[in-house]
Amino acid sequence: MSRIRHMSRRRSYDQYCATARALDSVGDRWTLLIVRELLAGPRRYTDLHADLPGVSTDVLASRLKDMERDDLALRRKLPPPAAAYVYELTERGRGLLPVLTALAEWGAPALEERRPTDAVRAHWFAVPLLPVLDGLSGPAGPGVGGGTGEGVVEVRLDEGAFHVRLGAGDPVYGDGPAESPDARLVLDADTCRALSGGVLTVGDGVRDGRIEVSGDGPLAKVLRGE
């Protein structure tokens, strides 16, 4: 009983400040990384644990309970034949995407050297890459009026594949290949990091042979600079 009371107790900075209130909900270790995983859509507990190397089962369970309490995530049962429970973000939880994007941009310089102990998953590059691709295909990019503001881009790295959804749509990215992508990018993790950090543009990467773009539709042409 004491353990249950401990897990459900709400910790607070007790400050009448919007930043402090936000950190009351997402300031604990692992919470924002769980949000990162759930931005890919509903995930089972076992899938979350597999893609959050280093988190203990107790801590993951505790954070998920906290996120349910704070209306960041919910737990629901999938219909048959799956009959499994999954966690997914609420609308409030999905509103953390710009926060994670800003954190990824701020933290990008720290990725210049990969440490021997660093785990890596291909889809961890999805959130920082989103604004780069949206900038090319959205209202501020070459796709103005050309109908290329929305689409699915599959990204293939040596570490695996993921896909991002540009424009309208939720979830914003998915782990693994896309069924029918509008464009496909093939590059390595260092090039993806350079794109996310603003060191390299997609156009320069294509011209230098560091990025291969395939696809025949408008989005692929925009990404190739055509």
Foldseek 3Di string as FASTA:
>chain_A
DVVVVVLPDQDFPPDPDPVRVVCSQQVDPPLVVLLLVQLQPWDALVVSPVVDPPDDSVRSVSSLVSCVVVQQKDWDADDPPVRGITIHGDPVNNVCLVVVLVVCLVCLVVVPDDDPPDDDAVCVLVSLCQVQLLCQQDCNHPVNVVPRQWWKEWEQEPRAIKIATGDDDGSGIHGHGDPDGQKYKYAYPVVSSCSSNVVDHLCRCVVVVRIDMDHDDPSSCSSPVD
